[in-house]
Amino acid sequence: MTKKYDVVVIGSGPAGYVAAIRCAQLGFSVACVEKWRTKENKSVYGGTCLNVGCIPSKALLDTTHKFAEAQNSFDAHGIKVTKMDIDVPSMMSRKGAVVSQLTQGIKGLFATNKVDGVVGSAKITGVNTVLVTDHDGNKQSLETKNIIIATGSQPINIPPAPIDHETIVDSTGALEFEKIPKRLGVIGAGVIGLELGSVWARLGSEVTVLEALDEFLPPVDRQIAKEAAKIFSKQGLDIKLGSQVKGHKFSKGAKKQITLEYSDKEGKQKKAFDKVIVAVGRKPVTEGLFDDSLGIKICDRGFIEVNDHCQTKVPNIFAVGDVVRGPMLAHKGSDEGVMVAERLADKKTQVNYALVPSVIYTHPEIAWVGQNEEELKAEGIEYNVGSFPFAASGRALAANDSEGLVKIVSQKATDRILGCQIIGPSAADLLQQIVIAMEFSASAEDIGLTMFSHPALSEAVHEAALAANGHAIHIGNKKRR
């Protein structure tokens, strides 16, 4: 029997489940198809982000930060701690509990909003038909007026270090280590590599990060990236830029170890590890999702081609999240899901792609939005820049967490804020103040004239905005650019 819906959403990650719920809130009949299964063979919602991405990684980052802080920083507060230890199984159990709570939460939201959750793999067989095959091979057909593709992404595998899920793992495997590796190799110094490398470095792993590019964190403002490299080095991350992995060899014997072969500016190199994490990026999941005859176009990088409103060449089929252009970020996918849902209801909602915030959840966090100095210089835009170090923040000093800075760039002619970059405590939360300000085209002066509570970390944002116009109170003002 064919079930009929107004909207069928394929994928229940942050883009998919949000799209499904918003469609239901707008009065549409909705089904959301999800094929994800846990290692215990249970069907769950939430996709990569909730199950093996954003949420579990942040759970481990928070646990290990507390451990490292107690181990290395409590003395500054006069707190004496002896016989520190970490229970890895308990840490993993807590991570699992957090994930379970959130995935079950989506199940509850589906029930509340009358979204039908459908378990299985989906294939678009016609412009109005989705065929779902469950894990036992049973098939059912869903007839629908509209289709939203939200199938997400998966880790990229590389030939020089193919994933074996034991010694060489991807980001998923790195969240499941049963014990702390003595020597850990990380291939890729991007967001995922730095976050996962930080987790295990805090617990005592000797972490080496091999990055093929000669530049560290290319999307990030150069001053912020330089500060980050200095801090990560102090934390024990050995980041080797310009290092291209060429191959690997496993050692003989009962204890499986791996030697990575790579080249850098000095020639061929080798380094042995107990575990290796491959974190070189992710690719869209679209294989077997639809037939080419449908007219849905895919670019040479594997992304589904869509217009500014996430509509494919087929008018009633949309794609959102990691399968389309733009950064692979959960919040970007969620906003796209809401936009599509509301446009189906004849609303004129749009996503402001110029204001997608990015965050690396290391400690200190790194967060940025809009344009940075290098981009403005390349475009020939005249700008002012204001910065403020957390070392001059009373609240940061009181917390013994004063590394990093806030940086704001504004247009010279109008003072309109063009971008903000932060490395420091609570950078993600502090950045959001500027994202909101930029959404309303605020000027640096607007932020400077706004009253901020004292003492608070957010005062660093206030002072950086003041500094953009040479009015900072708590630091010496540099000549405006």
Protein backbone atom coordinates (compact mmCIF):
# COMPACT_ATOMS: atom_id res chain seq x y z
CA MET A 1 0.00 0.00 0.00
CA THR A 2 1.33 3.42 -1.01
CA LYS A 3 1.28 6.12 1.67
CA LYS A 4 0.66 9.71 0.57
CA TYR A 5 2.29 12.83 2.02
CA ASP A 6 2.74 16.49 1.25
CA VAL A 7 6.46 16.28 2.01
CA VAL A 8 8.95 13.43 2.31
CA VAL A 9 12.28 14.31 3.90
CA ILE A 10 15.19 11.94 3.31
CA GLY A 11 17.58 12.05 6.27
CA SER A 12 17.01 13.01 9.90
CA GLY A 13 20.16 14.97 10.70
CA PRO A 14 20.00 18.66 11.71
CA ALA A 15 18.92 19.67 8.20
CA GLY A 16 16.38 16.87 7.76
CA TYR A 17 14.64 16.65 11.13
CA VAL A 18 14.34 20.44 11.39
CA ALA A 19 12.85 20.60 7.88
CA ALA A 20 10.40 17.81 8.73
CA ILE A 21 9.25 19.43 11.98
CA ARG A 22 8.87 22.90 10.44
CA CYS A 23 6.88 21.44 7.52
CA ALA A 24 4.56 19.72 10.01
CA GLN A 25 4.16 22.94 12.01
CA LEU A 26 3.06 24.64 8.79
CA GLY A 27 0.31 22.10 8.28
CA PHE A 28 1.88 19.66 5.85
CA SER A 29 1.67 15.88 6.21
CA VAL A 30 5.28 14.73 6.55
CA ALA A 31 7.40 11.58 6.55
CA CYS A 32 11.08 11.54 7.43
CA VAL A 33 13.13 8.58 6.19
CA GLU A 34 16.25 7.52 8.11
CA LYS A 35 18.57 4.55 7.50
CA TRP A 36 20.99 5.17 10.40
CA ARG A 37 21.56 2.26 12.76
CA THR A 38 23.70 2.12 15.88
CA LYS A 39 26.36 -0.53 16.46
CA GLU A 40 23.74 -2.26 18.62
CA ASN A 41 21.59 -2.42 15.44
CA LYS A 42 19.00 0.07 16.69
CA SER A 43 17.40 2.62 14.39
CA VAL A 44 17.93 6.21 15.56
CA TYR A 45 17.36 9.73 14.35
CA GLY A 46 19.82 12.61 14.34
CA GLY A 47 22.20 11.63 11.56
CA THR A 48 25.94 12.15 11.79
CA CYS A 49 25.76 15.26 13.98
CA LEU A 50 23.92 13.74 16.92
CA ASN A 51 25.25 10.19 16.65
CA VAL A 52 28.92 10.41 15.62
CA GLY A 53 29.68 14.08 15.04
CA CYS A 54 28.92 17.39 16.72
CA ILE A 55 27.38 16.10 19.94
CA PRO A 56 29.59 13.14 20.93
CA SER A 57 32.74 15.04 20.01
CA LYS A 58 31.68 17.99 22.18
CA ALA A 59 30.88 15.62 25.05
CA LEU A 60 34.45 14.27 24.86
CA LEU A 61 35.90 17.75 24.41
CA ASP A 62 34.14 18.99 27.54
CA THR A 63 35.10 15.96 29.63
CA THR A 64 38.74 16.08 28.59
CA HIS A 65 38.92 19.85 29.08
CA LYS A 66 37.74 19.45 32.66
CA PHE A 67 40.33 16.72 33.18
CA ALA A 68 43.14 18.81 31.70
CA GLU A 69 42.05 21.87 33.68
CA ALA A 70 42.04 19.94 36.94
CA GLN A 71 45.41 18.44 36.09
CA ASN A 72 47.14 21.59 34.88
CA SER A 73 45.30 24.70 36.06
CA PHE A 74 43.72 24.13 39.45
CA ASP A 75 46.95 25.03 41.24
CA ALA A 76 46.51 28.62 40.08
CA HIS A 77 43.28 28.74 42.08
CA GLY A 78 44.90 27.22 45.15
CA ILE A 79 43.12 23.90 44.57
CA LYS A 80 45.33 20.88 45.22
CA VAL A 81 44.46 17.70 43.34
CA THR A 82 46.38 14.46 43.68
CA LYS A 83 46.16 11.07 41.98
CA MET A 84 44.29 12.31 38.94
CA ASP A 85 43.02 9.61 36.60
CA ILE A 86 40.58 9.26 33.73
CA ASP A 87 38.12 6.40 33.36
CA VAL A 88 37.81 6.10 29.58
CA PRO A 89 34.88 3.62 29.60
CA SER A 90 32.95 5.93 31.94
CA MET A 91 33.75 8.89 29.71
CA MET A 92 32.45 6.99 26.70
CA SER A 93 29.36 5.89 28.61
CA ARG A 94 28.52 9.49 29.47
CA LYS A 95 28.99 10.47 25.82
CA GLY A 96 26.60 7.70 24.81
CA ALA A 97 24.01 8.85 27.35
CA VAL A 98 24.11 12.40 25.99
CA VAL A 99 23.68 11.13 22.44
CA SER A 100 20.82 8.81 23.46
CA GLN A 101 18.98 11.61 25.24
CA LEU A 102 19.10 13.85 22.20
CA THR A 103 18.22 11.22 19.61
CA GLN A 104 15.27 10.13 21.73
CA GLY A 105 14.35 13.79 21.93
CA ILE A 106 13.96 13.92 18.15
CA LYS A 107 11.74 10.86 18.30
CA GLY A 108 9.55 12.69 20.81
CA LEU A 109 9.47 15.83 18.66
CA PHE A 110 8.36 13.77 15.67
CA ALA A 111 5.53 12.30 17.73
CA THR A 112 4.47 15.72 19.05
CA ASN A 113 4.45 17.26 15.58
CA LYS A 114 2.90 14.20 13.89
CA VAL A 115 5.89 13.50 11.65
CA ASP A 116 5.97 9.88 10.48
CA GLY A 117 9.41 8.40 11.01
CA VAL A 118 10.18 5.77 8.36
CA VAL A 119 13.11 3.40 8.85
CA GLY A 120 15.14 2.35 5.83
CA SER A 121 17.10 3.46 2.78
CA ALA A 122 15.34 5.82 0.40
CA LYS A 123 15.53 6.09 -3.36
CA ILE A 124 13.73 8.73 -5.39
CA THR A 125 12.11 6.69 -8.17
CA GLY A 126 9.97 9.48 -9.60
CA VAL A 127 9.33 13.17 -9.13
CA ASN A 128 6.58 12.27 -6.67
CA THR A 129 7.71 8.85 -5.45
CA VAL A 130 10.19 7.64 -2.83
CA LEU A 131 10.87 3.93 -2.44
CA VAL A 132 12.02 2.89 1.05
CA THR A 133 13.77 -0.43 1.70
CA ASP A 134 14.06 -1.42 5.35
CA HIS A 135 16.94 -3.40 6.85
CA ASP A 136 15.13 -6.70 6.25
CA GLY A 137 14.64 -5.96 2.56
CA ASN A 138 10.96 -5.02 2.81
CA LYS A 139 9.90 -2.21 0.48
CA GLN A 140 7.26 0.47 0.71
CA SER A 141 6.42 3.31 -1.62
CA LEU A 142 5.77 6.86 -0.44
CA GLU A 143 3.85 9.20 -2.73
CA THR A 144 4.54 12.86 -2.11
CA LYS A 145 4.02 16.34 -3.52
CA ASN A 146 7.49 17.51 -2.45
CA ILE A 147 10.82 15.88 -1.58
CA ILE A 148 13.60 17.33 0.59
CA ILE A 149 16.98 15.62 0.32
CA ALA A 150 19.00 15.89 3.55
CA THR A 151 21.23 12.83 3.38
CA GLY A 152 24.30 14.53 4.84
CA SER A 153 27.94 13.64 4.36
CA GLN A 154 30.50 10.99 5.24
CA PRO A 155 34.27 11.01 5.95
CA ILE A 156 36.62 10.99 2.98
CA ASN A 157 38.90 7.97 2.72
CA ILE A 158 42.40 8.35 1.25
CA PRO A 159 44.44 5.63 -0.53
CA PRO A 160 47.70 6.21 1.43
CA ALA A 161 45.89 5.42 4.70
CA PRO A 162 42.71 3.40 4.06
CA ILE A 163 40.33 3.04 7.01
CA ASP A 164 40.48 -0.39 8.67
CA HIS A 165 38.35 0.64 11.71
CA GLU A 166 41.03 -0.71 14.04
CA THR A 167 44.36 1.07 13.66
CA ILE A 168 43.38 3.58 10.99
CA VAL A 169 40.03 5.17 11.83
CA ASP A 170 37.86 8.01 10.65
CA SER A 171 36.20 10.59 12.88
CA THR A 172 33.59 8.04 13.95
CA GLY A 173 36.21 5.55 15.10
CA ALA A 174 38.11 8.27 16.94
CA LEU A 175 35.08 8.70 19.21
CA GLU A 176 35.17 5.04 20.22
CA PHE A 177 38.72 4.37 21.44
CA GLU A 178 38.62 2.01 24.40
CA LYS A 179 41.94 3.21 25.76
CA ILE A 180 44.25 6.16 25.32
CA PRO A 181 46.71 5.66 22.44
CA LYS A 182 50.27 6.41 23.44
CA ARG A 183 51.15 7.81 20.00
CA LEU A 184 48.34 9.23 17.88
CA GLY A 185 48.62 10.43 14.31
CA VAL A 186 46.02 12.77 12.84
CA ILE A 187 45.90 13.34 9.09
CA GLY A 188 44.39 16.76 8.51
CA ALA A 189 44.62 19.96 10.57
CA GLY A 190 41.09 21.15 9.94
CA VAL A 191 38.23 21.48 12.39
CA ILE A 192 37.73 17.74 12.94
CA GLY A 193 41.43 16.92 13.18
CA LEU A 194 42.15 19.66 15.70
CA GLU A 195 39.13 18.83 17.87
CA LEU A 196 39.81 15.09 17.98
CA GLY A 197 43.54 15.62 18.37
CA SER A 198 42.82 17.89 21.34
CA VAL A 199 40.61 15.28 23.00
CA TRP A 200 43.33 12.64 23.12
CA ALA A 201 46.24 15.02 23.72
CA ARG A 202 44.53 16.18 26.92
CA LEU A 203 44.43 12.59 28.11
CA GLY A 204 48.12 12.03 27.51
CA SER A 205 48.49 10.94 23.89
CA GLU A 206 51.53 12.13 21.99
CA VAL A 207 49.66 13.73 19.07
CA THR A 208 51.17 14.54 15.69
CA VAL A 209 49.00 16.30 13.12
CA LEU A 210 50.05 15.97 9.48
CA GLU A 211 48.63 18.69 7.23
CA ALA A 212 49.28 18.71 3.47
CA LEU A 213 48.79 22.47 3.12
CA ASP A 214 51.59 24.87 3.90
CA GLU A 215 49.18 27.29 5.58
CA PHE A 216 47.48 26.65 8.92
CA LEU A 217 43.68 27.08 8.97
CA PRO A 218 43.34 28.90 5.62
CA PRO A 219 39.73 30.10 6.22
CA VAL A 220 40.74 31.84 9.46
CA ASP A 221 42.16 35.35 9.88
CA ARG A 222 45.97 35.10 9.79
CA GLN A 223 46.48 36.76 13.18
CA ILE A 224 43.97 34.38 14.78
CA ALA A 225 45.46 31.35 13.02
CA LYS A 226 48.96 32.29 14.17
CA GLU A 227 47.75 32.66 17.75
CA ALA A 228 45.97 29.29 17.51
CA ALA A 229 49.09 27.53 16.24
CA LYS A 230 51.09 28.92 19.16
CA ILE A 231 48.51 27.81 21.73
CA PHE A 232 48.02 24.33 20.24
CA SER A 233 51.77 23.79 20.19
CA LYS A 234 51.92 24.69 23.87
CA GLN A 235 49.12 22.18 24.50
CA GLY A 236 51.17 19.39 22.94
CA LEU A 237 49.82 19.19 19.40
CA ASP A 238 52.76 18.75 17.03
CA ILE A 239 51.32 20.25 13.82
CA LYS A 240 53.46 19.53 10.76
CA LEU A 241 52.42 21.69 7.81
CA GLY A 242 53.29 20.82 4.21
CA SER A 243 53.31 17.11 5.11
CA GLN A 244 51.70 14.88 2.49
CA VAL A 245 51.02 11.30 3.52
CA LYS A 246 52.29 8.90 0.86
CA GLY A 247 51.70 5.49 2.41
CA HIS A 248 51.74 3.31 5.49
CA LYS A 249 53.18 0.08 6.87
CA PHE A 250 51.94 -2.10 9.70
CA SER A 251 54.40 -3.61 12.15
CA LYS A 252 54.63 -7.34 12.59
CA GLY A 253 53.69 -9.02 15.84
CA ALA A 254 50.74 -9.19 18.19
CA LYS A 255 50.61 -5.46 18.89
CA LYS A 256 49.49 -3.76 15.70
CA GLN A 257 51.24 -0.45 15.08
CA ILE A 258 51.47 1.70 12.01
CA THR A 259 54.18 3.79 10.40
CA LEU A 260 53.05 6.64 8.20
CA GLU A 261 55.29 7.64 5.32
CA TYR A 262 55.02 11.29 4.37
CA SER A 263 56.96 13.98 2.57
CA ASP A 264 57.66 17.54 3.68
CA LYS A 265 59.99 20.30 2.54
CA GLU A 266 62.95 18.31 3.88
CA GLY A 267 62.06 15.16 1.94
CA LYS A 268 60.72 11.75 2.85
CA GLN A 269 59.79 11.15 6.50
CA LYS A 270 58.45 8.31 8.65
CA LYS A 271 56.69 8.26 12.00
CA ALA A 272 55.21 5.39 14.00
CA PHE A 273 51.81 5.51 15.74
CA ASP A 274 49.51 3.29 17.75
CA LYS A 275 46.42 4.81 16.12
CA VAL A 276 45.82 7.10 13.15
CA ILE A 277 42.78 9.32 12.60
CA VAL A 278 42.01 10.32 9.01
CA ALA A 279 40.34 13.74 9.13
CA VAL A 280 40.81 15.16 5.64
CA GLY A 281 37.22 16.26 5.11
CA ARG A 282 33.80 14.92 4.22
CA LYS A 283 31.84 14.24 1.03
CA PRO A 284 28.11 14.35 0.25
CA VAL A 285 26.06 11.14 0.52
CA THR A 286 24.08 10.76 -2.69
CA GLU A 287 25.06 7.34 -4.06
CA GLY A 288 22.03 5.36 -5.17
CA LEU A 289 19.68 8.11 -4.05
CA PHE A 290 18.10 8.84 -7.43
CA ASP A 291 18.36 7.97 -11.11
CA ASP A 292 20.10 10.38 -13.47
CA SER A 293 17.00 10.40 -15.65
CA LEU A 294 15.21 12.52 -13.02
CA GLY A 295 17.23 15.56 -14.03
CA ILE A 296 18.76 16.26 -10.61
CA LYS A 297 22.23 17.64 -11.29
CA ILE A 298 25.38 16.88 -9.29
CA CYS A 299 28.56 18.94 -9.64
CA ASP A 300 32.03 17.45 -10.07
CA ARG A 301 32.62 17.67 -6.29
CA GLY A 302 29.56 15.55 -5.59
CA PHE A 303 27.21 18.28 -4.39
CA ILE A 304 23.62 18.46 -5.61
CA GLU A 305 23.15 21.60 -7.66
CA VAL A 306 20.50 23.93 -6.24
CA ASN A 307 19.46 27.57 -6.54
CA ASP A 308 19.59 30.13 -3.73
CA HIS A 309 16.47 28.56 -2.23
CA CYS A 310 17.84 24.99 -2.27
CA GLN A 311 15.61 23.95 -5.18
CA THR A 312 17.01 21.45 -7.67
CA LYS A 313 16.34 21.41 -11.41
CA VAL A 314 13.21 19.41 -10.53
CA PRO A 315 10.84 22.06 -9.10
CA ASN A 316 9.35 19.93 -6.30
CA ILE A 317 12.63 18.35 -5.18
CA PHE A 318 14.90 20.29 -2.81
CA ALA A 319 18.27 19.54 -1.19
CA VAL A 320 19.67 20.99 2.05
CA GLY A 321 22.63 20.65 4.40
CA ASP A 322 25.87 18.87 3.59
CA VAL A 323 24.71 17.66 0.16
CA VAL A 324 24.66 21.23 -1.23
CA ARG A 325 27.19 24.05 -1.65
CA GLY A 326 28.49 25.97 1.30
CA PRO A 327 30.10 24.96 4.58
CA MET A 328 29.17 21.56 6.03
CA LEU A 329 27.74 22.93 9.25
CA ALA A 330 24.72 21.72 11.19
CA HIS A 331 23.29 25.19 11.76
CA LYS A 332 23.58 26.09 8.08
CA GLY A 333 21.68 22.90 7.19
CA SER A 334 19.00 23.57 9.80
CA ASP A 335 18.39 27.08 8.48
CA GLU A 336 18.14 25.72 4.94
CA GLY A 337 15.61 23.15 6.13
CA VAL A 338 13.46 25.88 7.69
CA MET A 339 13.78 28.04 4.56
CA VAL A 340 12.56 25.26 2.27
CA ALA A 341 9.67 24.39 4.59
CA GLU A 342 8.52 27.99 4.75
CA ARG A 343 8.86 28.57 1.02
CA LEU A 344 6.67 25.52 0.46
CA ALA A 345 4.10 27.43 2.52
CA ASP A 346 4.51 30.47 0.21
CA LYS A 347 6.60 32.45 2.69
CA LYS A 348 9.60 34.43 1.39
CA THR A 349 12.21 33.19 3.85
CA GLN A 350 15.87 33.26 2.79
CA VAL A 351 19.19 32.15 4.29
CA ASN A 352 21.83 34.84 4.69
CA TYR A 353 24.84 32.88 3.49
CA ALA A 354 27.14 35.84 4.18
CA LEU A 355 26.56 35.36 7.91
CA VAL A 356 27.19 31.67 8.56
CA PRO A 357 29.22 31.48 11.80
CA SER A 358 32.05 28.93 12.00
CA VAL A 359 33.50 27.45 15.19
CA ILE A 360 36.34 25.13 16.17
CA TYR A 361 35.53 23.74 19.63
CA THR A 362 39.06 23.36 20.87
CA HIS A 363 40.09 25.22 24.01
CA PRO A 364 40.34 28.06 23.50
CA GLU A 365 37.55 28.05 20.94
CA ILE A 366 38.02 29.69 17.55
CA ALA A 367 35.01 31.39 15.96
CA TRP A 368 34.52 33.67 13.00
CA VAL A 369 31.89 35.22 10.76
CA GLY A 370 31.90 37.53 7.76
CA GLN A 371 35.13 38.72 6.16
CA ASN A 372 38.63 38.94 7.60
CA GLU A 373 41.50 41.32 6.91
CA GLU A 374 43.05 39.21 4.16
CA GLU A 375 39.77 38.96 2.26
CA LEU A 376 39.11 42.68 2.54
CA LYS A 377 42.61 43.51 1.30
CA ALA A 378 42.15 41.17 -1.66
CA GLU A 379 38.90 42.95 -2.57
CA GLY A 380 40.44 46.38 -2.13
CA ILE A 381 37.95 47.36 0.58
CA GLU A 382 39.18 50.01 3.01
CA TYR A 383 38.55 49.01 6.60
CA ASN A 384 39.18 49.73 10.25
CA VAL A 385 40.27 46.99 12.62
CA GLY A 386 39.85 46.80 16.37
CA SER A 387 41.12 44.05 18.64
CA PHE A 388 41.17 43.32 22.33
CA PRO A 389 43.15 40.58 24.14
CA PHE A 390 41.55 38.43 26.81
CA ALA A 391 44.72 39.05 28.83
CA ALA A 392 43.24 42.50 29.52
CA SER A 393 39.83 41.13 30.52
CA GLY A 394 39.18 41.11 34.26
CA ARG A 395 36.71 38.23 33.95
CA ALA A 396 39.11 36.10 31.89
CA LEU A 397 41.96 36.75 34.31
CA ALA A 398 39.75 35.86 37.27
CA ALA A 399 38.93 32.56 35.57
CA ASN A 400 42.60 31.94 34.69
CA ASP A 401 41.50 31.61 31.08
CA SER A 402 42.96 34.61 29.30
CA GLU A 403 44.55 33.35 26.09
CA GLY A 404 43.38 34.81 22.78
CA LEU A 405 41.67 37.92 21.49
CA VAL A 406 38.61 39.42 19.80
CA LYS A 407 39.02 41.11 16.44
CA ILE A 408 36.43 43.18 14.58
CA VAL A 409 36.75 44.68 11.11
CA SER A 410 34.45 47.44 9.88
CA GLN A 411 34.09 49.35 6.63
CA LYS A 412 36.11 52.54 6.78
CA ALA A 413 33.56 54.73 5.00
CA THR A 414 30.43 53.59 6.86
CA ASP A 415 31.77 51.85 10.01
CA ARG A 416 29.45 48.89 9.21
CA ILE A 417 30.82 45.68 10.75
CA LEU A 418 32.15 43.37 8.03
CA GLY A 419 33.50 40.52 10.14
CA CYS A 420 34.56 39.26 13.53
CA GLN A 421 37.14 36.67 14.53
CA ILE A 422 37.66 35.37 18.06
CA ILE A 423 40.03 32.95 19.71
CA GLY A 424 39.43 32.59 23.41
CA PRO A 425 37.05 31.37 26.11
CA SER A 426 33.40 31.06 25.00
CA ALA A 427 34.31 32.34 21.54
CA ALA A 428 31.26 30.70 19.93
CA ASP A 429 28.83 32.41 22.29
CA LEU A 430 30.59 35.78 22.10
CA LEU A 431 30.62 35.68 18.30
CA GLN A 432 26.85 35.33 18.19
CA GLN A 433 26.48 38.87 19.50
CA ILE A 434 28.25 40.14 16.40
CA VAL A 435 26.31 37.80 14.09
CA ILE A 436 23.09 39.38 15.38
CA ALA A 437 24.57 42.87 15.04
CA MET A 438 25.69 42.19 11.46
CA GLU A 439 22.24 40.81 10.57
CA PHE A 440 20.93 44.31 11.32
CA SER A 441 23.87 46.03 9.55
CA ALA A 442 25.19 47.48 12.81
CA SER A 443 28.29 49.63 12.97
CA ALA A 444 31.25 49.22 15.30
CA GLU A 445 30.07 52.43 16.95
CA ASP A 446 26.67 50.80 17.63
CA ILE A 447 28.42 48.07 19.61
CA GLY A 448 30.67 50.61 21.29
CA LEU A 449 27.68 52.65 22.46
CA THR A 450 25.90 49.58 23.84
CA MET A 451 26.24 48.94 27.58
CA PHE A 452 27.90 45.62 28.49
CA SER A 453 27.81 44.05 31.94
CA HIS A 454 30.97 44.03 34.06
CA PRO A 455 32.86 41.89 34.66
CA ALA A 456 32.04 39.67 31.69
CA LEU A 457 33.92 38.06 28.84
CA SER A 458 31.67 39.94 26.42
CA GLU A 459 33.43 43.15 27.39
CA ALA A 460 36.21 42.00 25.07
CA VAL A 461 33.74 42.31 22.17
CA HIS A 462 32.78 45.79 23.38
CA GLU A 463 36.39 46.93 23.64
CA ALA A 464 37.29 45.50 20.20
CA ALA A 465 34.42 47.47 18.68
CA LEU A 466 35.59 50.62 20.47
CA ALA A 467 39.14 49.97 19.26
CA ALA A 468 37.96 49.90 15.63
CA ASN A 469 37.36 53.63 15.98
CA GLY A 470 40.29 54.35 18.28
CA HIS A 471 38.14 54.61 21.41
CA ALA A 472 39.16 51.55 23.45
CA ILE A 473 39.41 52.29 27.15
CA HIS A 474 41.41 49.42 28.56
CA ILE A 475 44.20 49.11 25.97
CA GLY A 476 46.36 51.50 24.07
CA ASN A 477 44.67 52.50 20.78
CA LYS A 478 46.57 51.85 17.60
CA LYS A 479 46.29 54.06 14.58
CA ARG A 480 43.21 53.17 12.56
CA ARG A 481 43.69 51.53 9.21
